[in-house]
PDB file of N, CA and C in Angstrom:
ATOM      1  N   MET A   1      62.070  31.832 -96.015  1.00  0.00           N
ATOM      2  CA  MET A   1      61.399  32.320 -97.200  1.00  0.00           C
ATOM      3  C   MET A   1      61.013  33.779 -96.984  1.00  0.00           C
ATOM      4  N   SER A   2      61.276  34.616 -97.986  1.00  0.00           N
ATOM      5  CA  SER A   2      60.972  36.047 -97.907  1.00  0.00           C
ATOM      6  C   SER A   2      59.545  36.319 -98.377  1.00  0.00           C
ATOM      7  N   GLN A   3      58.837  37.175 -97.645  1.00  0.00           N
ATOM      8  CA  GLN A   3      57.487  37.544 -98.048  1.00  0.00           C
ATOM      9  C   GLN A   3      57.488  38.973 -98.564  1.00  0.00           C
ATOM     10  N   ASN A   4      56.798  39.212 -99.664  1.00  0.00           N
ATOM     11  CA  ASN A   4      56.687  40.550-100.211  1.00  0.00           C
ATOM     12  C   ASN A   4      55.524  41.250 -99.532  1.00  0.00           C
ATOM     13  N   LYS A   5      55.813  42.315 -98.784  1.00  0.00           N
ATOM     14  CA  LYS A   5      54.781  43.020 -98.036  1.00  0.00           C
ATOM     15  C   LYS A   5      54.194  44.199 -98.813  1.00  0.00           C
ATOM     16  N   ARG A   6      54.600  44.386-100.043  1.00  0.00           N
ATOM     17  CA  ARG A   6      54.113  45.509-100.833  1.00  0.00           C
ATOM     18  C   ARG A   6      52.653  45.296-101.237  1.00  0.00           C
ATOM     19  N   ALA A   7      51.905  46.392-101.233  1.00  0.00           N
ATOM     20  CA  ALA A   7      50.492  46.331-101.610  1.00  0.00           C
ATOM     21  C   ALA A   7      50.325  46.261-103.122  1.00  0.00           C
ATOM     22  N   HIS A   8      51.331  46.765-103.868  1.00  0.00           N
ATOM     23  CA  HIS A   8      51.222  46.828-105.329  1.00  0.00           C
ATOM     24  C   HIS A   8      52.463  46.218-105.974  1.00  0.00           C
ATOM     25  N   ARG A   9      52.259  45.572-107.088  1.00  0.00           N
ATOM     26  CA  ARG A   9      53.354  44.986-107.871  1.00  0.00           C
ATOM     27  C   ARG A   9      54.194  46.110-108.474  1.00  0.00           C
ATOM     28  N   ARG A  10      55.507  46.029-108.324  1.00  0.00           N
ATOM     29  CA  ARG A  10      56.412  47.046-108.872  1.00  0.00           C
ATOM     30  C   ARG A  10      57.020  46.528-110.172  1.00  0.00           C
ATOM     31  N   LEU A  11      57.047  47.390-111.168  1.00  0.00           N
ATOM     32  CA  LEU A  11      57.622  47.036-112.461  1.00  0.00           C
ATOM     33  C   LEU A  11      58.804  47.940-112.763  1.00  0.00           C
ATOM     34  N   ARG A  12      59.906  47.337-113.201  1.00  0.00           N
ATOM     35  CA  ARG A  12      61.057  48.137-113.606  1.00  0.00           C
ATOM     36  C   ARG A  12      60.675  48.959-114.813  1.00  0.00           C
ATOM     37  N   SER A  13      60.989  50.250-114.752  1.00  0.00           N
ATOM     38  CA  SER A  13      60.640  51.128-115.857  1.00  0.00           C
ATOM     39  C   SER A  13      61.387  52.442-115.699  1.00  0.00           C
ATOM     40  N   LEU A  14      62.066  52.876-116.746  1.00  0.00           N
ATOM     41  CA  LEU A  14      62.775  54.155-116.730  1.00  0.00           C
ATOM     42  C   LEU A  14      61.888  55.222-117.362  1.00  0.00           C
ATOM     43  N   ASN A  15      61.494  56.196-116.549  1.00  0.00           N
ATOM     44  CA  ASN A  15      60.616  57.273-116.997  1.00  0.00           C
ATOM     45  C   ASN A  15      61.136  58.586-116.426  1.00  0.00           C
ATOM     46  N   LEU A  16      61.070  59.652-117.213  1.00  0.00           N
ATOM     47  CA  LEU A  16      61.493  60.957-116.713  1.00  0.00           C
ATOM     48  C   LEU A  16      60.492  61.490-115.703  1.00  0.00           C
ATOM     49  N   VAL A  17      61.023  62.159-114.661  1.00  0.00           N
ATOM     50  CA  VAL A  17      60.201  62.704-113.590  1.00  0.00           C
ATOM     51  C   VAL A  17      60.666  64.118-113.268  1.00  0.00           C
ATOM     52  N   SER A  18      59.724  65.021-113.142  1.00  0.00           N
ATOM     53  CA  SER A  18      59.968  66.349-112.597  1.00  0.00           C
ATOM     54  C   SER A  18      59.409  66.345-111.183  1.00  0.00           C
ATOM     55  N   LEU A  19      60.269  66.625-110.200  1.00  0.00           N
ATOM     56  CA  LEU A  19      59.877  66.576-108.802  1.00  0.00           C
ATOM     57  C   LEU A  19      59.970  67.973-108.200  1.00  0.00           C
ATOM     58  N   SER A  20      58.951  68.362-107.461  1.00  0.00           N
ATOM     59  CA  SER A  20      58.965  69.613-106.700  1.00  0.00           C
ATOM     60  C   SER A  20      58.813  69.270-105.228  1.00  0.00           C
ATOM     61  N   LYS A  21      59.779  69.713-104.425  1.00  0.00           N
ATOM     62  CA  LYS A  21      59.710  69.536-102.974  1.00  0.00           C
ATOM     63  C   LYS A  21      58.881  70.681-102.419  1.00  0.00           C
ATOM     64  N   LEU A  22      57.880  70.347-101.602  1.00  0.00           N
ATOM     65  CA  LEU A  22      56.972  71.358-101.073  1.00  0.00           C
ATOM     66  C   LEU A  22      57.305  71.690 -99.622  1.00  0.00           C
ATOM     67  N   SER A  23      57.170  72.972 -99.268  1.00  0.00           N
ATOM     68  CA  SER A  23      57.334  73.401 -97.884  1.00  0.00           C
ATOM     69  C   SER A  23      56.069  73.058 -97.109  1.00  0.00           C
ATOM     70  N   GLU A  24      56.083  73.290 -95.816  1.00  0.00           N
ATOM     71  CA  GLU A  24      54.892  73.042 -94.999  1.00  0.00           C
ATOM     72  C   GLU A  24      53.729  73.918 -95.447  1.00  0.00           C
ATOM     73  N   ASN A  25      54.027  75.076 -96.037  1.00  0.00           N
ATOM     74  CA  ASN A  25      52.988  75.993 -96.531  1.00  0.00           C
ATOM     75  C   ASN A  25      52.508  75.621 -97.931  1.00  0.00           C
ATOM     76  N   GLY A  26      53.144  74.609 -98.541  1.00  0.00           N
ATOM     77  CA  GLY A  26      52.747  74.193 -99.880  1.00  0.00           C
ATOM     78  C   GLY A  26      53.508  74.883-100.992  1.00  0.00           C
ATOM     79  N   TYR A  27      54.526  75.686-100.642  1.00  0.00           N
ATOM     80  CA  TYR A  27      55.341  76.364-101.651  1.00  0.00           C
ATOM     81  C   TYR A  27      56.468  75.451-102.128  1.00  0.00           C
ATOM     82  N   VAL A  28      56.861  75.625-103.391  1.00  0.00           N
ATOM     83  CA  VAL A  28      57.952  74.829-103.950  1.00  0.00           C
ATOM     84  C   VAL A  28      59.281  75.344-103.397  1.00  0.00           C
ATOM     85  N   GLU A  29      60.039  74.445-102.755  1.00  0.00           N
ATOM     86  CA  GLU A  29      61.348  74.782-102.203  1.00  0.00           C
ATOM     87  C   GLU A  29      62.483  74.308-103.098  1.00  0.00           C
ATOM     88  N   LEU A  30      62.226  73.274-103.883  1.00  0.00           N
ATOM     89  CA  LEU A  30      63.252  72.673-104.714  1.00  0.00           C
ATOM     90  C   LEU A  30      62.573  72.032-105.907  1.00  0.00           C
ATOM     91  N   ALA A  31      63.171  72.154-107.072  1.00  0.00           N
ATOM     92  CA  ALA A  31      62.670  71.459-108.260  1.00  0.00           C
ATOM     93  C   ALA A  31      63.846  70.735-108.894  1.00  0.00           C
ATOM     94  N   GLU A  32      63.628  69.480-109.283  1.00  0.00           N
ATOM     95  CA  GLU A  32      64.695  68.734-109.925  1.00  0.00           C
ATOM     96  C   GLU A  32      64.123  67.675-110.855  1.00  0.00           C
ATOM     97  N   LEU A  33      64.992  67.175-111.721  1.00  0.00           N
ATOM     98  CA  LEU A  33      64.626  66.097-112.630  1.00  0.00           C
ATOM     99  C   LEU A  33      65.273  64.810-112.171  1.00  0.00           C
ATOM    100  N   GLY A  34      64.617  63.717-112.443  1.00  0.00           N
ATOM    101  CA  GLY A  34      65.152  62.403-112.133  1.00  0.00           C
ATOM    102  C   GLY A  34      64.515  61.380-113.041  1.00  0.00           C
ATOM    103  N   ARG A  35      64.701  60.119-112.702  1.00  0.00           N
ATOM    104  CA  ARG A  35      64.079  59.049-113.480  1.00  0.00           C
ATOM    105  C   ARG A  35      63.617  57.954-112.537  1.00  0.00           C
ATOM    106  N   THR A  36      62.544  57.303-112.934  1.00  0.00           N
ATOM    107  CA  THR A  36      62.070  56.175-112.140  1.00  0.00           C
ATOM    108  C   THR A  36      62.967  54.973-112.401  1.00  0.00           C
ATOM    109  N   LEU A  37      63.106  54.149-111.382  1.00  0.00           N
ATOM    110  CA  LEU A  37      63.737  52.839-111.545  1.00  0.00           C
ATOM    111  C   LEU A  37      62.666  51.761-111.549  1.00  0.00           C
ATOM    112  N   ASP A  38      61.602  52.019-110.786  1.00  0.00           N
ATOM    113  CA  ASP A  38      60.427  51.159-110.865  1.00  0.00           C
ATOM    114  C   ASP A  38      59.180  51.968-110.539  1.00  0.00           C
ATOM    115  N   VAL A  39      58.052  51.411-110.946  1.00  0.00           N
ATOM    116  CA  VAL A  39      56.766  52.100-110.843  1.00  0.00           C
ATOM    117  C   VAL A  39      55.723  51.100-110.364  1.00  0.00           C
ATOM    118  N   SER A  40      54.791  51.576-109.523  1.00  0.00           N
ATOM    119  CA  SER A  40      53.642  50.768-109.125  1.00  0.00           C
ATOM    120  C   SER A  40      52.444  51.688-108.979  1.00  0.00           C
ATOM    121  N   GLU A  41      51.292  51.112-108.695  1.00  0.00           N
ATOM    122  CA  GLU A  41      50.095  51.924-108.450  1.00  0.00           C
ATOM    123  C   GLU A  41      50.236  52.770-107.194  1.00  0.00           C
ATOM    124  N   GLY A  42      51.119  52.355-106.288  1.00  0.00           N
ATOM    125  CA  GLY A  42      51.248  53.046-105.009  1.00  0.00           C
ATOM    126  C   GLY A  42      52.424  53.979-104.882  1.00  0.00           C
ATOM    127  N   GLY A  43      53.358  53.961-105.870  1.00  0.00           N
ATOM    128  CA  GLY A  43      54.513  54.839-105.760  1.00  0.00           C
ATOM    129  C   GLY A  43      55.590  54.515-106.765  1.00  0.00           C
ATOM    130  N   ILE A  44      56.732  55.195-106.594  1.00  0.00           N
ATOM    131  CA  ILE A  44      57.867  55.006-107.496  1.00  0.00           C
ATOM    132  C   ILE A  44      59.161  54.918-106.693  1.00  0.00           C
ATOM    133  N   LYS A  45      60.164  54.341-107.339  1.00  0.00           N
ATOM    134  CA  LYS A  45      61.537  54.438-106.856  1.00  0.00           C
ATOM    135  C   LYS A  45      62.217  55.400-107.820  1.00  0.00           C
ATOM    136  N   LEU A  46      62.718  56.519-107.277  1.00  0.00           N
ATOM    137  CA  LEU A  46      63.277  57.602-108.073  1.00  0.00           C
ATOM    138  C   LEU A  46      64.787  57.653-107.919  1.00  0.00           C
ATOM    139  N   GLU A  47      65.493  57.848-109.027  1.00  0.00           N
ATOM    140  CA  GLU A  47      66.930  58.106-109.006  1.00  0.00           C
ATOM    141  C   GLU A  47      67.140  59.562-109.379  1.00  0.00           C
ATOM    142  N   ALA A  48      67.782  60.316-108.490  1.00  0.00           N
ATOM    143  CA  ALA A  48      68.026  61.739-108.719  1.00  0.00           C
ATOM    144  C   ALA A  48      69.296  62.134-107.965  1.00  0.00           C
ATOM    145  N   PHE A  49      69.518  63.437-107.755  1.00  0.00           N
ATOM    146  CA  PHE A  49      70.745  63.899-107.125  1.00  0.00           C
ATOM    147  C   PHE A  49      70.547  64.533-105.755  1.00  0.00           C
ATOM    148  N   GLU A  50      69.384  65.030-105.450  1.00  0.00           N
ATOM    149  CA  GLU A  50      69.140  65.731-104.193  1.00  0.00           C
ATOM    150  C   GLU A  50      68.595  64.795-103.119  1.00  0.00           C
ATOM    151  N   VAL A  51      69.062  64.976-101.893  1.00  0.00           N
ATOM    152  CA  VAL A  51      68.515  64.244-100.750  1.00  0.00           C
ATOM    153  C   VAL A  51      67.331  65.034-100.218  1.00  0.00           C
ATOM    154  N   ILE A  52      66.188  64.401-100.175  1.00  0.00           N
ATOM    155  CA  ILE A  52      64.971  65.029 -99.659  1.00  0.00           C
ATOM    156  C   ILE A  52      64.541  64.208 -98.447  1.00  0.00           C
ATOM    157  N   PRO A  53      64.348  64.851 -97.309  1.00  0.00           N
ATOM    158  CA  PRO A  53      64.060  64.109 -96.070  1.00  0.00           C
ATOM    159  C   PRO A  53      62.783  63.258 -96.136  1.00  0.00           C
ATOM    160  N   VAL A  54      62.835  62.134 -95.438  1.00  0.00           N
ATOM    161  CA  VAL A  54      61.672  61.256 -95.313  1.00  0.00           C
ATOM    162  C   VAL A  54      60.509  62.055 -94.732  1.00  0.00           C
ATOM    163  N   GLY A  55      59.322  61.841 -95.297  1.00  0.00           N
ATOM    164  CA  GLY A  55      58.121  62.525 -94.841  1.00  0.00           C
ATOM    165  C   GLY A  55      57.789  63.785 -95.624  1.00  0.00           C
ATOM    166  N   THR A  56      58.733  64.286 -96.430  1.00  0.00           N
ATOM    167  CA  THR A  56      58.517  65.512 -97.196  1.00  0.00           C
ATOM    168  C   THR A  56      57.463  65.305 -98.271  1.00  0.00           C
ATOM    169  N   ARG A  57      56.563  66.281 -98.417  1.00  0.00           N
ATOM    170  CA  ARG A  57      55.553  66.249 -99.488  1.00  0.00           C
ATOM    171  C   ARG A  57      56.196  66.673-100.802  1.00  0.00           C
ATOM    172  N   THR A  58      55.739  66.057-101.891  1.00  0.00           N
ATOM    173  CA  THR A  58      56.263  66.367-103.221  1.00  0.00           C
ATOM    174  C   THR A  58      55.119  66.437-104.226  1.00  0.00           C
ATOM    175  N   LYS A  59      55.391  67.139-105.310  1.00  0.00           N
ATOM    176  CA  LYS A  59      54.543  67.080-106.501  1.00  0.00           C
ATOM    177  C   LYS A  59      55.401  66.492-107.594  1.00  0.00           C
ATOM    178  N   LEU A  60      54.813  65.559-108.350  1.00  0.00           N
ATOM    179  CA  LEU A  60      55.547  64.860-109.394  1.00  0.00           C
ATOM    180  C   LEU A  60      54.820  64.977-110.721  1.00  0.00           C
ATOM    181  N   ARG A  61      55.593  65.097-111.781  1.00  0.00           N
ATOM    182  CA  ARG A  61      55.088  64.932-113.153  1.00  0.00           C
ATOM    183  C   ARG A  61      55.902  63.799-113.732  1.00  0.00           C
ATOM    184  N   ILE A  62      55.215  62.733-114.113  1.00  0.00           N
ATOM    185  CA  ILE A  62      55.887  61.523-114.568  1.00  0.00           C
ATOM    186  C   ILE A  62      55.512  61.262-116.021  1.00  0.00           C
ATOM    187  N   GLY A  63      56.522  61.093-116.861  1.00  0.00           N
ATOM    188  CA  GLY A  63      56.290  60.755-118.259  1.00  0.00           C
ATOM    189  C   GLY A  63      56.137  59.258-118.414  1.00  0.00           C
ATOM    190  N   LEU A  64      54.998  58.829-118.941  1.00  0.00           N
ATOM    191  CA  LEU A  64      54.722  57.409-119.200  1.00  0.00           C
ATOM    192  C   LEU A  64      54.421  57.259-120.682  1.00  0.00           C
ATOM    193  N   ARG A  65      55.439  56.901-121.452  1.00  0.00           N
ATOM    194  CA  ARG A  65      55.321  56.863-122.914  1.00  0.00           C
ATOM    195  C   ARG A  65      54.831  58.205-123.432  1.00  0.00           C
ATOM    196  N   ASP A  66      53.634  58.243-124.037  1.00  0.00           N
ATOM    197  CA  ASP A  66      53.109  59.484-124.611  1.00  0.00           C
ATOM    198  C   ASP A  66      52.247  60.265-123.636  1.00  0.00           C
ATOM    199  N   GLU A  67      52.155  59.821-122.406  1.00  0.00           N
ATOM    200  CA  GLU A  67      51.305  60.459-121.397  1.00  0.00           C
ATOM    201  C   GLU A  67      52.154  61.087-120.298  1.00  0.00           C
ATOM    202  N   ILE A  68      51.590  62.088-119.636  1.00  0.00           N
ATOM    203  CA  ILE A  68      52.200  62.682-118.451  1.00  0.00           C
ATOM    204  C   ILE A  68      51.151  62.655-117.354  1.00  0.00           C
ATOM    205  N   ILE A  69      51.562  62.152-116.181  1.00  0.00           N
ATOM    206  CA  ILE A  69      50.625  62.158-115.060  1.00  0.00           C
ATOM    207  C   ILE A  69      51.157  63.074-113.961  1.00  0.00           C
ATOM    208  N   ASP A  70      50.237  63.690-113.233  1.00  0.00           N
ATOM    209  CA  ASP A  70      50.555  64.532-112.087  1.00  0.00           C
ATOM    210  C   ASP A  70      50.099  63.813-110.839  1.00  0.00           C
ATOM    211  N   VAL A  71      50.952  63.830-109.826  1.00  0.00           N
ATOM    212  CA  VAL A  71      50.636  63.129-108.585  1.00  0.00           C
ATOM    213  C   VAL A  71      51.332  63.826-107.421  1.00  0.00           C
ATOM    214  N   GLU A  72      50.692  63.794-106.266  1.00  0.00           N
ATOM    215  CA  GLU A  72      51.336  64.262-105.049  1.00  0.00           C
ATOM    216  C   GLU A  72      51.853  63.042-104.311  1.00  0.00           C
ATOM    217  N   GLY A  73      53.020  63.200-103.711  1.00  0.00           N
ATOM    218  CA  GLY A  73      53.636  62.081-103.021  1.00  0.00           C
ATOM    219  C   GLY A  73      54.250  62.486-101.699  1.00  0.00           C
ATOM    220  N   ARG A  74      54.807  61.474-101.037  1.00  0.00           N
ATOM    221  CA  ARG A  74      55.500  61.665 -99.765  1.00  0.00           C
ATOM    222  C   ARG A  74      56.738  60.785 -99.799  1.00  0.00           C
ATOM    223  N   ILE A  75      57.882  61.348 -99.381  1.00  0.00           N
ATOM    224  CA  ILE A  75      59.122  60.582 -99.367  1.00  0.00           C
ATOM    225  C   ILE A  75      59.014  59.489 -98.294  1.00  0.00           C
ATOM    226  N   ALA A  76      59.165  58.232 -98.723  1.00  0.00           N
ATOM    227  CA  ALA A  76      59.043  57.094 -97.814  1.00  0.00           C
ATOM    228  C   ALA A  76      60.415  56.628 -97.309  1.00  0.00           C
ATOM    229  N   TYR A  77      61.437  56.693 -98.166  1.00  0.00           N
ATOM    230  CA  TYR A  77      62.788  56.315 -97.757  1.00  0.00           C
ATOM    231  C   TYR A  77      63.804  56.926 -98.706  1.00  0.00           C
ATOM    232  N   ILE A  78      65.044  56.992 -98.250  1.00  0.00           N
ATOM    233  CA  ILE A  78      66.156  57.432 -99.094  1.00  0.00           C
ATOM    234  C   ILE A  78      67.322  56.479 -98.873  1.00  0.00           C
ATOM    235  N   GLN A  79      68.124  56.283 -99.925  1.00  0.00           N
ATOM    236  CA  GLN A  79      69.329  55.469 -99.803  1.00  0.00           C
ATOM    237  C   GLN A  79      70.347  55.954-100.829  1.00  0.00           C
ATOM    238  N   GLU A  80      71.608  55.642-100.582  1.00  0.00           N
ATOM    239  CA  GLU A  80      72.666  56.037-101.505  1.00  0.00           C
ATOM    240  C   GLU A  80      72.570  55.229-102.778  1.00  0.00           C
ATOM    241  N   GLY A  81      72.804  55.928-103.887  1.00  0.00           N
ATOM    242  CA  GLY A  81      72.891  55.262-105.174  1.00  0.00           C
ATOM    243  C   GLY A  81      74.326  55.315-105.659  1.00  0.00           C
ATOM    244  N   GLU A  82      74.537  55.051-106.927  1.00  0.00           N
ATOM    245  CA  GLU A  82      75.865  55.111-107.522  1.00  0.00           C
ATOM    246  C   GLU A  82      76.135  56.489-108.093  1.00  0.00           C
ATOM    247  N   ALA A  83      77.398  56.855-108.178  1.00  0.00           N
ATOM    248  CA  ALA A  83      77.844  58.093-108.823  1.00  0.00           C
ATOM    249  C   ALA A  83      77.120  59.330-108.287  1.00  0.00           C
ATOM    250  N   ASP A  84      77.123  59.490-106.966  1.00  0.00           N
ATOM    251  CA  ASP A  84      76.508  60.654-106.304  1.00  0.00           C
ATOM    252  C   ASP A  84      75.007  60.764-106.505  1.00  0.00           C
ATOM    253  N   ARG A  85      74.371  59.696-106.896  1.00  0.00           N
ATOM    254  CA  ARG A  85      72.916  59.716-107.049  1.00  0.00           C
ATOM    255  C   ARG A  85      72.257  59.229-105.766  1.00  0.00           C
ATOM    256  N   VAL A  86      71.005  59.606-105.614  1.00  0.00           N
ATOM    257  CA  VAL A  86      70.220  59.219-104.446  1.00  0.00           C
ATOM    258  C   VAL A  86      69.008  58.434-104.932  1.00  0.00           C
ATOM    259  N   ILE A  87      68.723  57.328-104.270  1.00  0.00           N
ATOM    260  CA  ILE A  87      67.547  56.528-104.570  1.00  0.00           C
ATOM    261  C   ILE A  87      66.485  56.904-103.538  1.00  0.00           C
ATOM    262  N   THR A  88      65.326  57.319-104.017  1.00  0.00           N
ATOM    263  CA  THR A  88      64.261  57.801-103.143  1.00  0.00           C
ATOM    264  C   THR A  88      62.974  57.032-103.426  1.00  0.00           C
ATOM    265  N   GLY A  89      62.397  56.466-102.390  1.00  0.00           N
ATOM    266  CA  GLY A  89      61.094  55.832-102.511  1.00  0.00           C
ATOM    267  C   GLY A  89      60.021  56.866-102.243  1.00  0.00           C
ATOM    268  N   ILE A  90      59.078  56.999-103.161  1.00  0.00           N
ATOM    269  CA  ILE A  90      58.009  57.996-103.018  1.00  0.00           C
ATOM    270  C   ILE A  90      56.664  57.294-103.074  1.00  0.00           C
ATOM    271  N   GLU A  91      55.901  57.483-102.015  1.00  0.00           N
ATOM    272  CA  GLU A  91      54.556  56.925-101.909  1.00  0.00           C
ATOM    273  C   GLU A  91      53.565  57.926-102.485  1.00  0.00           C
ATOM    274  N   PHE A  92      52.663  57.475-103.337  1.00  0.00           N
ATOM    275  CA  PHE A  92      51.624  58.354-103.861  1.00  0.00           C
ATOM    276  C   PHE A  92      50.582  58.607-102.774  1.00  0.00           C
ATOM    277  N   VAL A  93      50.256  59.878-102.542  1.00  0.00           N
ATOM    278  CA  VAL A  93      49.219  60.207-101.564  1.00  0.00           C
ATOM    279  C   VAL A  93      47.998  60.840-102.222  1.00  0.00           C
ATOM    280  N   ASP A  94      48.152  61.339-103.436  1.00  0.00           N
ATOM    281  CA  ASP A  94      47.010  61.891-104.165  1.00  0.00           C
ATOM    282  C   ASP A  94      47.234  61.681-105.656  1.00  0.00           C
ATOM    283  N   LEU A  95      46.541  60.691-106.190  1.00  0.00           N
ATOM    284  CA  LEU A  95      46.606  60.358-107.614  1.00  0.00           C
ATOM    285  C   LEU A  95      45.170  60.245-108.085  1.00  0.00           C
ATOM    286  N   ALA A  96      44.691  61.293-108.727  1.00  0.00           N
ATOM    287  CA  ALA A  96      43.264  61.411-109.017  1.00  0.00           C
ATOM    288  C   ALA A  96      42.892  60.949-110.418  1.00  0.00           C
ATOM    289  N   GLY A  97      41.630  60.531-110.532  1.00  0.00           N
ATOM    290  CA  GLY A  97      40.903  60.255-111.765  1.00  0.00           C
ATOM    291  C   GLY A  97      41.683  59.785-112.955  1.00  0.00           C
ATOM    292  N   GLU A  98      41.772  60.643-113.978  1.00  0.00           N
ATOM    293  CA  GLU A  98      42.362  60.245-115.247  1.00  0.00           C
ATOM    294  C   GLU A  98      43.848  59.929-115.113  1.00  0.00           C
ATOM    295  N   HIS A  99      44.541  60.553-114.154  1.00  0.00           N
ATOM    296  CA  HIS A  99      45.958  60.257-113.956  1.00  0.00           C
ATOM    297  C   HIS A  99      46.131  58.833-113.417  1.00  0.00           C
ATOM    298  N   ARG A 100      45.273  58.411-112.510  1.00  0.00           N
ATOM    299  CA  ARG A 100      45.299  57.027-112.005  1.00  0.00           C
ATOM    300  C   ARG A 100      45.003  56.059-113.152  1.00  0.00           C
ATOM    301  N   GLU A 101      44.017  56.393-113.988  1.00  0.00           N
ATOM    302  CA  GLU A 101      43.668  55.535-115.122  1.00  0.00           C
ATOM    303  C   GLU A 101      44.844  55.394-116.082  1.00  0.00           C
ATOM    304  N   LYS A 102      45.538  56.503-116.372  1.00  0.00           N
ATOM    305  CA  LYS A 102      46.698  56.458-117.270  1.00  0.00           C
ATOM    306  C   LYS A 102      47.796  55.584-116.687  1.00  0.00           C
ATOM    307  N   LEU A 103      48.026  55.708-115.377  1.00  0.00           N
ATOM    308  CA  LEU A 103      49.043  54.887-114.723  1.00  0.00           C
ATOM    309  C   LEU A 103      48.654  53.412-114.797  1.00  0.00           C
ATOM    310  N   CYS A 104      47.418  53.091-114.492  1.00  0.00           N
ATOM    311  CA  CYS A 104      46.957  51.694-114.535  1.00  0.00           C
ATOM    312  C   CYS A 104      47.064  51.120-115.945  1.00  0.00           C
ATOM    313  N   GLN A 105      46.738  51.919-116.962  1.00  0.00           N
ATOM    314  CA  GLN A 105      46.869  51.463-118.353  1.00  0.00           C
ATOM    315  C   GLN A 105      48.332  51.196-118.690  1.00  0.00           C
ATOM    316  N   PHE A 106      49.217  52.096-118.257  1.00  0.00           N
ATOM    317  CA  PHE A 106      50.648  51.927-118.493  1.00  0.00           C
ATOM    318  C   PHE A 106      51.137  50.633-117.846  1.00  0.00           C
ATOM    319  N   LEU A 107      50.769  50.417-116.594  1.00  0.00           N
ATOM    320  CA  LEU A 107      51.213  49.218-115.881  1.00  0.00           C
ATOM    321  C   LEU A 107      50.647  47.945-116.487  1.00  0.00           C
ATOM    322  N   ALA A 108      49.423  48.007-116.977  1.00  0.00           N
ATOM    323  CA  ALA A 108      48.784  46.828-117.565  1.00  0.00           C
ATOM    324  C   ALA A 108      49.458  46.392-118.864  1.00  0.00           C
ATOM    325  N   THR A 109      50.079  47.321-119.574  1.00  0.00           N
ATOM    326  CA  THR A 109      50.702  46.991-120.854  1.00  0.00           C
ATOM    327  C   THR A 109      52.167  46.613-120.710  1.00  0.00           C
ATOM    328  N   ARG A 110      52.698  46.692-119.493  1.00  0.00           N
ATOM    329  CA  ARG A 110      54.105  46.365-119.238  1.00  0.00           C
ATOM    330  C   ARG A 110      54.213  44.926-118.761  1.00  0.00           C
ATOM    331  N   GLU A 111      55.235  44.250-119.210  1.00  0.00           N
ATOM    332  CA  GLU A 111      55.502  42.897-118.730  1.00  0.00           C
ATOM    333  C   GLU A 111      56.646  42.949-117.748  1.00  0.00           C
ATOM    334  N   GLU A 112      56.541  42.155-116.702  1.00  0.00           N
ATOM    335  CA  GLU A 112      57.612  42.100-115.715  1.00  0.00           C
ATOM    336  C   GLU A 112      58.807  41.393-116.314  1.00  0.00           C
ATOM    337  N   PRO A 113      60.031  41.934-116.102  1.00  0.00           N
ATOM    338  CA  PRO A 113      61.234  41.315-116.679  1.00  0.00           C
ATOM    339  C   PRO A 113      61.543  39.969-116.072  1.00  0.00           C
TER     340      PRO A 113
END
């Protein structure tokens, strides 16, 4: 029997994401667009085109219906996707106040498929 070790329930959801890869100094080194494949309180699974190394800090802007949330994240894993796409797991490391509330409201109104 398989056990789910995730701290948060993940919901399938396609949402536009603007991702900025940050240097060690906090400067933007790369900016790209992608889409979520799933979303949770603790992070997202992102489909995009660029490979970003595990451990890299990121800034994200995620569209959730009529809302946009800003969050800082860290690349947790990368894997090959289809058609030259890359699947990237991003852990949220800083999701403050109203942005956390907007995310929780979005997740609460979604039903798991």
